[in-house]
Amino acid sequence: MHLEPEQEQQAVDHLFSLILEFLEVRDDPWALTSMYAQYHHIRTSLHGGDPS
């Protein structure tokens, strides 16, 4: 996959924002559960109901 420089920067920025979000909630089991539920919902949506 080839990304344009602007797209690459956006991807890096988004990755760092996700890392910072995780670091803020990593010690809170309820927040981690919510984060995982959001991830699972997105993944299931992208794969037409099959997250595998």
N, C-alpha and C. Protein backbone atom coordinates (compact mmCIF):
# COMPACT_ATOMS: atom_id res chain seq x y z
N MET A 1 0.85 -1.17 0.00
CA MET A 1 0.00 0.00 0.00
C MET A 1 0.89 1.24 0.00
N HIS A 2 0.61 2.13 -0.89
CA HIS A 2 1.38 3.37 -0.99
C HIS A 2 0.51 4.53 -0.54
N LEU A 3 1.02 5.29 0.39
CA LEU A 3 0.30 6.46 0.89
C LEU A 3 1.01 7.73 0.44
N GLU A 4 0.22 8.72 0.16
CA GLU A 4 0.78 10.03 -0.11
C GLU A 4 1.34 10.59 1.19
N PRO A 5 2.30 11.51 1.13
CA PRO A 5 2.90 12.04 2.36
C PRO A 5 1.87 12.58 3.36
N GLU A 6 0.84 13.26 2.87
CA GLU A 6 -0.19 13.80 3.77
C GLU A 6 -0.98 12.67 4.44
N GLN A 7 -1.29 11.63 3.67
CA GLN A 7 -2.02 10.49 4.23
C GLN A 7 -1.16 9.76 5.27
N GLU A 8 0.12 9.63 4.97
CA GLU A 8 1.03 8.98 5.90
C GLU A 8 1.09 9.77 7.22
N GLN A 9 1.17 11.08 7.13
CA GLN A 9 1.22 11.91 8.33
C GLN A 9 -0.07 11.78 9.12
N GLN A 10 -1.20 11.74 8.43
CA GLN A 10 -2.49 11.57 9.11
C GLN A 10 -2.54 10.22 9.82
N ALA A 11 -2.04 9.18 9.18
CA ALA A 11 -2.02 7.85 9.79
C ALA A 11 -1.14 7.83 11.04
N VAL A 12 0.02 8.46 10.97
CA VAL A 12 0.92 8.53 12.12
C VAL A 12 0.28 9.33 13.25
N ASP A 13 -0.33 10.45 12.92
CA ASP A 13 -1.00 11.27 13.93
C ASP A 13 -2.12 10.48 14.61
N HIS A 14 -2.88 9.76 13.81
CA HIS A 14 -3.98 8.96 14.37
C HIS A 14 -3.45 7.85 15.27
N LEU A 15 -2.40 7.19 14.84
CA LEU A 15 -1.79 6.13 15.65
C LEU A 15 -1.34 6.68 17.00
N PHE A 16 -0.67 7.81 17.00
CA PHE A 16 -0.21 8.40 18.26
C PHE A 16 -1.39 8.82 19.14
N SER A 17 -2.47 9.30 18.53
CA SER A 17 -3.64 9.67 19.34
C SER A 17 -4.24 8.43 19.99
N LEU A 18 -4.26 7.31 19.27
CA LEU A 18 -4.77 6.07 19.85
C LEU A 18 -3.87 5.57 20.98
N ILE A 19 -2.57 5.69 20.80
CA ILE A 19 -1.63 5.29 21.86
C ILE A 19 -1.84 6.15 23.09
N LEU A 20 -1.96 7.45 22.91
CA LEU A 20 -2.19 8.34 24.05
C LEU A 20 -3.51 8.02 24.75
N GLU A 21 -4.54 7.72 23.96
CA GLU A 21 -5.83 7.36 24.55
C GLU A 21 -5.69 6.09 25.39
N PHE A 22 -4.98 5.10 24.85
CA PHE A 22 -4.77 3.86 25.60
C PHE A 22 -4.01 4.12 26.90
N LEU A 23 -2.96 4.92 26.83
CA LEU A 23 -2.17 5.20 28.03
C LEU A 23 -2.99 5.88 29.11
N GLU A 24 -3.98 6.68 28.70
CA GLU A 24 -4.83 7.37 29.67
C GLU A 24 -5.76 6.40 30.40
N VAL A 25 -6.15 5.31 29.75
CA VAL A 25 -7.16 4.42 30.34
C VAL A 25 -6.64 3.04 30.72
N ARG A 26 -5.39 2.77 30.52
CA ARG A 26 -4.88 1.40 30.68
C ARG A 26 -5.04 0.83 32.08
N ASP A 27 -5.14 1.66 33.09
CA ASP A 27 -5.29 1.15 34.45
C ASP A 27 -6.74 1.08 34.90
N ASP A 28 -7.66 1.41 34.02
CA ASP A 28 -9.09 1.40 34.34
C ASP A 28 -9.76 0.28 33.55
N PRO A 29 -10.10 -0.84 34.23
CA PRO A 29 -10.69 -1.98 33.51
C PRO A 29 -11.98 -1.63 32.76
N TRP A 30 -12.79 -0.73 33.32
CA TRP A 30 -14.04 -0.36 32.64
C TRP A 30 -13.75 0.42 31.36
N ALA A 31 -12.77 1.29 31.42
CA ALA A 31 -12.41 2.07 30.22
C ALA A 31 -11.82 1.16 29.15
N LEU A 32 -11.02 0.19 29.58
CA LEU A 32 -10.45 -0.75 28.61
C LEU A 32 -11.54 -1.60 27.98
N THR A 33 -12.52 -1.99 28.78
CA THR A 33 -13.64 -2.77 28.25
C THR A 33 -14.38 -1.96 27.19
N SER A 34 -14.62 -0.70 27.47
CA SER A 34 -15.30 0.17 26.52
C SER A 34 -14.47 0.34 25.25
N MET A 35 -13.17 0.51 25.40
CA MET A 35 -12.28 0.68 24.25
C MET A 35 -12.31 -0.59 23.38
N TYR A 36 -12.27 -1.76 24.03
CA TYR A 36 -12.31 -3.01 23.27
C TYR A 36 -13.65 -3.16 22.56
N ALA A 37 -14.74 -2.80 23.22
CA ALA A 37 -16.06 -2.91 22.61
C ALA A 37 -16.14 -2.03 21.36
N GLN A 38 -15.59 -0.83 21.43
CA GLN A 38 -15.56 0.06 20.26
C GLN A 38 -14.75 -0.58 19.14
N TYR A 39 -13.59 -1.12 19.47
CA TYR A 39 -12.73 -1.77 18.48
C TYR A 39 -13.47 -2.95 17.84
N HIS A 40 -14.10 -3.77 18.68
CA HIS A 40 -14.80 -4.96 18.18
C HIS A 40 -15.95 -4.55 17.25
N HIS A 41 -16.68 -3.50 17.61
CA HIS A 41 -17.78 -3.02 16.77
C HIS A 41 -17.26 -2.54 15.41
N ILE A 42 -16.18 -1.79 15.42
CA ILE A 42 -15.61 -1.30 14.16
C ILE A 42 -15.12 -2.46 13.32
N ARG A 43 -14.41 -3.38 13.94
CA ARG A 43 -13.87 -4.52 13.19
C ARG A 43 -14.99 -5.38 12.62
N THR A 44 -16.03 -5.62 13.41
CA THR A 44 -17.16 -6.41 12.92
C THR A 44 -17.85 -5.70 11.77
N SER A 45 -18.01 -4.39 11.87
CA SER A 45 -18.64 -3.62 10.81
C SER A 45 -17.83 -3.69 9.51
N LEU A 46 -16.52 -3.62 9.62
CA LEU A 46 -15.66 -3.64 8.45
C LEU A 46 -15.64 -5.01 7.77
N HIS A 47 -15.86 -6.06 8.54
CA HIS A 47 -15.76 -7.41 8.00
C HIS A 47 -17.14 -8.05 7.82
N GLY A 48 -18.16 -7.25 7.73
CA GLY A 48 -19.49 -7.76 7.45
C GLY A 48 -20.03 -8.73 8.49
N GLY A 49 -19.69 -8.51 9.75
CA GLY A 49 -20.19 -9.35 10.82
C GLY A 49 -19.26 -10.47 11.21
N ASP A 50 -18.17 -10.67 10.47
CA ASP A 50 -17.21 -11.74 10.79
C ASP A 50 -15.88 -11.11 11.18
N PRO A 51 -15.61 -10.97 12.49
CA PRO A 51 -14.39 -10.28 12.91
C PRO A 51 -13.11 -11.07 12.76
N SER A 52 -13.19 -12.31 12.29
CA SER A 52 -11.97 -13.13 12.18
C SER A 52 -11.19 -12.82 10.92
